[in-house]
Protein backbone atom coordinates (compact mmCIF):
# COMPACT_ATOMS: atom_id res chain seq x y z
CA UNK A 1 135.59 -30.51 -37.11
CA UNK A 2 139.04 -31.74 -36.94
CA UNK A 3 138.49 -33.59 -41.12
CA UNK A 4 136.93 -30.04 -42.53
CA UNK A 5 140.94 -28.98 -41.43
CA UNK A 6 142.05 -31.82 -42.65
CA UNK A 7 140.86 -31.54 -46.17
CA UNK A 8 141.19 -28.06 -46.07
CA UNK A 9 145.38 -29.26 -45.29
CA UNK A 10 145.78 -31.73 -48.25
CA UNK A 11 143.52 -29.71 -51.10
CA UNK A 12 146.44 -26.70 -50.57
CA UNK A 13 148.92 -29.23 -50.65
CA UNK A 14 147.24 -30.79 -53.63
CA UNK A 15 147.13 -27.66 -55.37
CA UNK A 16 150.43 -26.40 -54.48
CA UNK A 17 151.43 -29.72 -55.84
CA UNK A 18 150.25 -28.85 -59.03
CA UNK A 19 151.20 -25.14 -59.34
CA UNK A 20 155.29 -26.45 -58.78
CA UNK A 21 154.19 -29.22 -60.97
CA UNK A 22 153.69 -26.31 -64.38
CA UNK A 23 156.07 -24.39 -62.74
CA UNK A 24 159.01 -27.05 -63.28
CA UNK A 25 157.56 -28.19 -66.62
CA UNK A 26 157.57 -24.33 -67.71
CA UNK A 27 161.58 -24.61 -66.35
CA UNK A 28 162.59 -27.50 -68.70
CA UNK A 29 160.72 -26.00 -71.80
CA UNK A 30 162.08 -23.06 -71.30
CA UNK A 31 165.73 -24.23 -71.30
CA UNK A 32 165.44 -26.34 -73.81
CA UNK A 33 163.93 -23.46 -75.42
CA UNK A 34 166.83 -21.03 -74.73
CA UNK A 35 169.76 -24.36 -75.35
CA UNK A 36 167.94 -24.93 -79.06
CA UNK A 37 168.12 -21.02 -79.91
CA UNK A 38 171.91 -21.26 -78.94
CA UNK A 39 172.47 -23.93 -80.88
CA UNK A 40 170.85 -22.29 -83.62
CA UNK A 41 172.67 -19.23 -83.15
CA UNK A 42 175.80 -20.84 -83.16
CA UNK A 43 175.73 -22.69 -86.13
CA UNK A 44 177.85 -22.06 -89.29
CA UNK A 45 176.20 -23.21 -92.68
CA UNK A 46 179.15 -22.81 -95.93
CA UNK A 47 177.54 -20.55 -97.99
CA UNK A 48 177.90 -23.42 -100.66
CA UNK A 49 176.05 -25.65 -98.58
CA UNK A 50 172.52 -23.76 -99.64
CA UNK A 51 171.80 -23.16 -103.18
CA UNK A 52 168.53 -22.21 -104.15
């Protein structure tokens, strides 16, 4: 009975670690995306540099 309880606890801890890993990765990706959008919005391109 104790080994089943320990197994369940360890399984739950592994699931929690995986969820936290995904949350951390999503946070980094979204933060990089927002900062890239801010840089693009603040970039000024001279009118004579754009020729079609």
